[in-house]
C-alpha cells in the first residue's frame, strides 16, 4: 500500500470520526436525518450552541445554532433526537434552569397538524423569578427614591421655617407649655388636700352603698321581678290598646263609607235636613204651647187631661 493511499484513508477516517463526534456531542442521531425547527427571539441571554432543549422536563435535543436575522432578531435552530414531531401551536420558552443555566422548554400545542422539519415555532423569552425580582427591585427603588425626595423637601421646608421665624415661635410655644405645666402643678399642690378629702368621702359613700345593698338582695330581686311583671302587664295593655285602636279605625272607616245607621246618618245629608226641620218645627210647637196654652187646652176636656 502506497503512502498516499494510507494518508487518504487516514484523512477519510478522521473526517468520519469528526462528523460522528460532532453529531454525538450535539446529541443528534449518528445516522439518519434529524428533526429540526427554529424559533425567533428578541433576546437569548445565556443560550448558545449545545443549550439543552426540554419537553416536560426531559432533554430531547439541543440548540444547534444561534444567529441574527435581517431585523436584528435572533434565530435559534433546534435539533431534536426524538422521532415524534411537534404539533402546531407549540411554543419555545427560554427559561432559567438549575439557578443560573438557561434552557429551552418546549410546550407542545394541541393541534392535530404537525410541524415539518425546518418549520418555525413561537419563541418567548421568560425572565422567570429573577425577572420578577428585578422588576420588584426597580419599582421599590423608584418608590424609595420618591419617598426620599419627598422627605428631603419636607425637611428643607422645616429647615427654612426654623431659619426664618419658626424657631422663635417654637421656643415661645415651649415656654408657654412649661408655664402651663407649672401652673397645673401649683394648682394640684394647692388643692391636694381637697382632692384627698373628696376621694375619702367617695370611698365612704361607696362603702355606705355597699352596706345598704348587702343583705337586701332578696328584696332587690323581688322589686326587679315586680318591675318585670309590671312591664309584662304594660305590654299586654299596649297590645289591647293597639287592638282597640284597630277596631276604632275599622268603625270610623265603616262610618265614613256609610255602613250602618250611624254611617248613613253621617253621610246622608237628607237625614240631617229632616232632623233639622223636625227640630225646628218642634221648637215652634213648644213655643206656641208656652205662649198660648189656652188655644191647645180649650179643645181638651178636664176628664181627658186627668
Protein backbone atom coordinates (compact mmCIF):
# COMPACT_ATOMS: atom_id res chain seq x y z
CA UNK A 1 0.00 0.00 0.00
CA UNK A 2 1.39 3.34 -1.02
CA UNK A 3 1.84 6.15 1.45
CA UNK A 4 -0.55 8.45 -0.43
CA UNK A 5 -3.32 5.88 -0.09
CA UNK A 6 -2.63 5.49 3.61
CA UNK A 7 -2.84 9.27 4.12
CA UNK A 8 -6.12 9.42 2.20
CA UNK A 9 -7.62 6.65 4.30
CA UNK A 10 -6.45 8.36 7.49
CA UNK A 11 -7.98 11.68 6.45
CA UNK A 12 -11.26 9.99 5.49
CA UNK A 13 -11.45 8.17 8.82
CA UNK A 14 -10.68 11.43 10.67
CA UNK A 15 -13.47 13.22 8.80
CA UNK A 16 -15.93 10.42 9.58
CA UNK A 17 -14.92 10.41 13.25
CA UNK A 18 -15.21 14.22 13.39
CA UNK A 19 -18.69 14.17 11.84
CA UNK A 20 -19.87 11.36 14.08
CA UNK A 21 -18.31 13.04 17.13
CA UNK A 22 -19.99 16.36 16.33
CA UNK A 23 -23.37 14.67 15.91
CA UNK A 24 -22.79 12.75 19.15
CA UNK A 25 -21.75 15.86 21.05
CA UNK A 26 -24.71 17.76 19.60
CA UNK A 27 -26.96 14.88 20.69
CA UNK A 28 -28.08 14.27 17.14
CA UNK A 29 -28.66 10.83 15.70
CA UNK A 30 -25.40 9.41 14.38
CA UNK A 31 -27.10 8.09 11.27
CA UNK A 32 -30.19 9.37 9.57
CA UNK A 33 -31.86 12.75 9.17
CA UNK A 34 -32.53 14.89 12.25
CA UNK A 35 -35.78 16.72 13.05
CA UNK A 36 -35.12 20.47 13.25
CA UNK A 37 -37.23 23.56 13.86
CA UNK A 38 -36.35 27.16 14.68
CA UNK A 39 -37.68 29.96 16.83
CA UNK A 40 -37.10 33.71 16.79
CA UNK A 41 -36.43 35.69 20.00
CA UNK A 42 -35.76 39.32 20.89
CA UNK A 43 -33.02 38.22 23.29
CA UNK A 44 -31.32 34.93 24.17
CA UNK A 45 -29.32 35.63 27.34
CA UNK A 46 -27.19 32.58 28.16
CA UNK A 47 -28.40 30.50 25.19
CA UNK A 48 -25.84 29.16 22.72
CA UNK A 49 -24.89 26.11 20.73
CA UNK A 50 -25.45 23.00 22.80
CA UNK A 51 -28.07 24.52 25.15
CA UNK A 52 -30.44 21.79 26.29
CA UNK A 53 -33.96 21.54 24.87
CA UNK A 54 -36.55 20.10 27.26
CA UNK A 55 -40.06 18.72 26.77
CA UNK A 56 -41.93 18.11 30.05
CA UNK A 57 -38.60 18.21 31.87
CA UNK A 58 -36.95 15.59 29.61
CA UNK A 59 -33.99 16.53 27.42
CA UNK A 60 -34.97 15.82 23.81
CA UNK A 61 -32.42 17.86 21.87
CA UNK A 62 -30.16 20.87 21.87
CA UNK A 63 -29.56 24.20 20.18
CA UNK A 64 -27.59 23.73 17.01
CA UNK A 65 -27.11 27.37 16.01
CA UNK A 66 -27.86 30.93 17.05
CA UNK A 67 -27.71 33.75 14.50
CA UNK A 68 -29.06 37.23 13.79
CA UNK A 69 -31.87 37.83 11.33
CA UNK A 70 -32.28 40.77 8.98
CA UNK A 71 -34.46 42.67 11.51
CA UNK A 72 -31.87 42.22 14.31
CA UNK A 73 -33.85 39.46 15.97
CA UNK A 74 -32.20 36.20 16.96
CA UNK A 75 -32.94 32.90 15.26
CA UNK A 76 -32.34 29.78 17.31
CA UNK A 77 -32.11 26.47 15.39
CA UNK A 78 -33.22 23.49 17.47
CA UNK A 79 -32.30 19.88 16.75
CA UNK A 80 -34.33 17.04 18.24
CA UNK A 81 -33.27 13.45 18.80
CA UNK A 82 -36.81 12.17 19.05
CA UNK A 83 -38.99 10.52 16.45
CA UNK A 84 -42.17 12.45 17.22
CA UNK A 85 -42.83 15.80 15.57
CA UNK A 86 -44.15 18.87 17.31
CA UNK A 87 -47.80 19.88 16.75
CA UNK A 88 -48.68 23.33 15.53
CA UNK A 89 -49.12 25.88 18.30
CA UNK A 90 -46.05 24.69 20.19
CA UNK A 91 -44.03 27.39 21.99
CA UNK A 92 -40.33 27.52 22.86
CA UNK A 93 -39.57 29.30 26.16
CA UNK A 94 -36.10 30.41 27.21
CA UNK A 95 -36.08 29.84 30.97
CA UNK A 96 -33.61 29.55 33.79
CA UNK A 97 -32.64 26.01 34.65
CA UNK A 98 -30.60 24.97 37.70
CA UNK A 99 -30.44 28.51 39.17
CA UNK A 100 -28.17 30.13 36.54
CA UNK A 101 -28.16 27.90 33.44
CA UNK A 102 -30.53 28.58 30.58
CA UNK A 103 -32.59 26.00 28.71
CA UNK A 104 -35.25 25.89 26.02
CA UNK A 105 -38.52 24.44 27.28
CA UNK A 106 -40.96 23.33 24.62
CA UNK A 107 -44.66 23.43 25.42
CA UNK A 108 -46.45 21.24 22.92
CA UNK A 109 -49.57 22.53 21.21
CA UNK A 110 -52.85 20.64 21.00
CA UNK A 111 -53.29 20.76 17.22
CA UNK A 112 -53.60 17.63 15.10
CA UNK A 113 -51.37 19.16 12.43
CA UNK A 114 -47.63 18.61 12.83
CA UNK A 115 -44.73 20.95 12.09
CA UNK A 116 -42.45 19.62 9.39
CA UNK A 117 -38.67 19.66 9.78
CA UNK A 118 -37.35 23.17 9.17
CA UNK A 119 -40.57 24.79 10.34
CA UNK A 120 -40.94 27.66 12.80
CA UNK A 121 -42.45 27.76 16.28
CA UNK A 122 -43.15 30.74 18.51
CA UNK A 123 -40.32 31.84 20.79
CA UNK A 124 -40.80 33.63 24.13
CA UNK A 125 -38.08 34.83 26.49
CA UNK A 126 -39.26 34.14 30.05
CA UNK A 127 -37.25 36.02 32.65
CA UNK A 128 -38.76 33.91 35.43
CA UNK A 129 -38.17 34.56 39.11
CA UNK A 130 -35.11 36.73 38.60
CA UNK A 131 -37.01 38.96 36.21
CA UNK A 132 -39.81 39.33 38.75
CA UNK A 133 -37.30 40.14 41.49
CA UNK A 134 -35.65 42.67 39.21
CA UNK A 135 -38.97 44.34 38.40
CA UNK A 136 -39.92 44.44 42.09
CA UNK A 137 -36.49 45.85 42.91
CA UNK A 138 -36.83 48.52 40.25
CA UNK A 139 -40.30 49.53 41.48
CA UNK A 140 -39.12 49.50 45.09
CA UNK A 141 -36.11 51.58 44.17
CA UNK A 142 -38.26 54.14 42.42
CA UNK A 143 -40.64 54.26 45.41
CA UNK A 144 -37.73 54.70 47.82
CA UNK A 145 -36.29 57.43 45.64
CA UNK A 146 -39.64 59.24 45.51
CA UNK A 147 -40.06 58.91 49.28
CA UNK A 148 -36.53 60.19 49.85
CA UNK A 149 -37.15 63.19 47.62
CA UNK A 150 -40.41 64.00 49.42
CA UNK A 151 -38.72 63.63 52.82
CA UNK A 152 -35.90 65.89 51.69
CA UNK A 153 -38.44 68.50 50.56
CA UNK A 154 -40.26 68.33 53.90
CA UNK A 155 -37.02 68.62 55.85
CA UNK A 156 -35.95 71.53 53.68
CA UNK A 157 -39.25 73.32 54.33
CA UNK A 158 -38.90 72.68 58.06
CA UNK A 159 -35.34 74.00 57.98
CA UNK A 160 -36.42 77.15 56.13
CA UNK A 161 -39.27 77.66 58.58
CA UNK A 162 -36.88 77.33 61.51
CA UNK A 163 -34.41 79.70 59.92
CA UNK A 164 -36.99 82.46 59.39
CA UNK A 165 -39.19 82.84 62.46
CA UNK A 166 -40.30 79.35 63.37
CA UNK A 167 -37.53 78.78 65.88
CA UNK A 168 -38.63 81.73 67.98
CA UNK A 169 -42.28 80.63 67.75
CA UNK A 170 -41.35 77.12 68.85
CA UNK A 171 -39.37 78.47 71.77
CA UNK A 172 -42.28 80.69 72.79
CA UNK A 173 -44.67 77.73 72.50
CA UNK A 174 -42.39 75.59 74.63
CA UNK A 175 -42.11 78.41 77.17
CA UNK A 176 -45.91 78.73 77.32
CA UNK A 177 -46.25 74.98 77.70
CA UNK A 178 -43.74 74.98 80.57
CA UNK A 179 -45.63 77.79 82.28
CA UNK A 180 -48.93 75.91 81.88
CA UNK A 181 -47.44 72.74 83.34
CA UNK A 182 -46.01 74.75 86.25
CA UNK A 183 -49.44 76.35 86.85
CA UNK A 184 -51.12 72.96 86.85
CA UNK A 185 -48.55 71.66 89.34
CA UNK A 186 -49.18 74.61 91.63
CA UNK A 187 -52.94 74.13 91.37
CA UNK A 188 -52.63 70.45 92.22
CA UNK A 189 -50.39 71.22 95.17
CA UNK A 190 -52.86 73.84 96.44
CA UNK A 191 -55.86 71.52 96.01
CA UNK A 192 -54.17 68.33 97.08
CA UNK A 193 -55.87 68.26 100.48
CA UNK A 194 -59.29 68.90 98.92
CA UNK A 195 -58.70 66.13 96.38
CA UNK A 196 -57.70 63.74 99.16
CA UNK A 197 -60.83 64.66 101.15
CA UNK A 198 -63.04 64.18 98.07
CA UNK A 199 -61.50 60.77 97.44
CA UNK A 200 -62.01 59.88 101.11
CA UNK A 201 -65.71 60.90 101.02
CA UNK A 202 -66.20 59.00 97.78
CA UNK A 203 -64.79 55.87 99.35
CA UNK A 204 -67.09 56.29 102.37
CA UNK A 205 -70.08 56.76 100.07
CA UNK A 206 -69.22 53.59 98.19
CA UNK A 207 -68.89 51.70 101.46
CA UNK A 208 -72.28 53.04 102.62
CA UNK A 209 -73.91 51.95 99.36
CA UNK A 210 -72.31 48.56 99.73
CA UNK A 211 -73.61 48.31 103.29
CA UNK A 212 -77.13 49.35 102.27
CA UNK A 213 -77.33 46.82 99.46
CA UNK A 214 -75.79 43.98 101.43
CA UNK A 215 -78.49 41.69 102.84
CA UNK A 216 -81.16 43.26 100.61
CA UNK A 217 -80.52 41.05 97.60
CA UNK A 218 -83.83 39.21 98.01
CA UNK A 219 -85.85 42.44 98.19
CA UNK A 220 -83.99 43.84 95.18
CA UNK A 221 -84.75 40.65 93.24
CA UNK A 222 -88.43 40.95 94.28
CA UNK A 223 -88.53 44.56 93.09
CA UNK A 224 -86.95 43.52 89.79
CA UNK A 225 -89.48 40.68 89.44
CA UNK A 226 -92.35 43.12 90.13
CA UNK A 227 -90.93 45.50 87.56
CA UNK A 228 -90.76 42.68 85.02
CA UNK A 229 -94.36 41.69 85.84
CA UNK A 230 -95.49 45.30 85.50
CA UNK A 231 -93.64 45.55 82.22
CA UNK A 232 -95.45 42.42 81.01
CA UNK A 233 -98.81 43.90 82.00
CA UNK A 234 -97.94 47.14 80.26
CA UNK A 235 -97.08 45.14 77.15
CA UNK A 236 -100.45 43.39 77.37
CA UNK A 237 -102.24 46.70 77.87
CA UNK A 238 -100.37 48.16 74.93
CA UNK A 239 -101.48 45.19 72.82
CA UNK A 240 -105.08 45.69 73.90
CA UNK A 241 -104.85 49.39 73.12
CA UNK A 242 -103.48 48.53 69.69
CA UNK A 243 -106.40 46.13 69.13
CA UNK A 244 -108.90 48.80 70.33
CA UNK A 245 -107.25 51.33 68.01
CA UNK A 246 -107.56 48.95 65.07
CA UNK A 247 -111.24 48.26 65.85
CA UNK A 248 -111.90 52.01 66.22
CA UNK A 249 -110.24 52.63 62.87
CA UNK A 250 -112.44 49.93 61.30
CA UNK A 251 -115.55 51.54 62.87
CA UNK A 252 -114.58 55.00 61.63
CA UNK A 253 -113.90 53.59 58.20
CA UNK A 254 -117.34 51.97 58.10
CA UNK A 255 -118.97 55.23 59.25
CA UNK A 256 -117.12 57.14 56.53
CA UNK A 257 -118.18 54.56 53.95
CA UNK A 258 -121.85 54.84 55.07
CA UNK A 259 -122.25 51.41 56.67
CA UNK A 260 -124.86 51.12 59.47
CA UNK A 261 -127.34 53.64 60.86
CA UNK A 262 -124.69 55.99 62.18
CA UNK A 263 -122.83 55.87 58.89
CA UNK A 264 -125.99 56.66 56.94
CA UNK A 265 -126.83 59.42 59.39
CA UNK A 266 -123.39 60.96 58.99
CA UNK A 267 -123.12 60.53 55.23
CA UNK A 268 -126.78 61.13 54.14
CA UNK A 269 -127.48 64.92 54.13
CA UNK A 270 -131.25 64.36 53.69
CA UNK A 271 -131.46 62.71 57.14
CA UNK A 272 -129.66 65.64 58.64
CA UNK A 273 -132.02 68.10 56.89
CA UNK A 274 -135.11 66.17 58.08
CA UNK A 275 -133.83 66.06 61.64
CA UNK A 276 -133.06 69.76 61.46
CA UNK A 277 -136.54 70.55 60.11
CA UNK A 278 -138.15 68.33 62.77
CA UNK A 279 -136.19 70.08 65.48
CA UNK A 280 -137.23 73.46 64.13
CA UNK A 281 -140.96 72.53 63.99
CA UNK A 282 -140.80 71.01 67.46
CA UNK A 283 -139.28 74.20 68.85
CA UNK A 284 -142.10 76.25 67.22
CA UNK A 285 -144.72 73.93 68.69
CA UNK A 286 -143.28 74.20 72.18
CA UNK A 287 -143.03 77.96 71.82
CA UNK A 288 -146.71 78.22 70.73
CA UNK A 289 -147.77 75.99 73.62
CA UNK A 290 -145.86 78.16 76.05
CA UNK A 291 -147.21 81.39 74.53
CA UNK A 292 -150.86 80.33 74.06
CA UNK A 293 -151.65 77.31 76.21
CA UNK A 294 -155.41 78.06 76.17
CA UNK A 295 -155.60 77.55 72.41
CA UNK A 296 -154.41 73.99 72.89
CA UNK A 297 -156.26 73.25 76.16
CA UNK A 298 -159.71 74.60 75.25
CA UNK A 299 -160.40 71.65 73.00
CA UNK A 300 -159.46 69.21 75.72
CA UNK A 301 -161.83 68.23 78.49
CA UNK A 302 -160.80 68.09 82.09
CA UNK A 303 -161.52 64.36 82.14
CA UNK A 304 -159.19 63.77 79.21
CA UNK A 305 -156.47 65.66 80.95
CA UNK A 306 -156.70 63.85 84.26
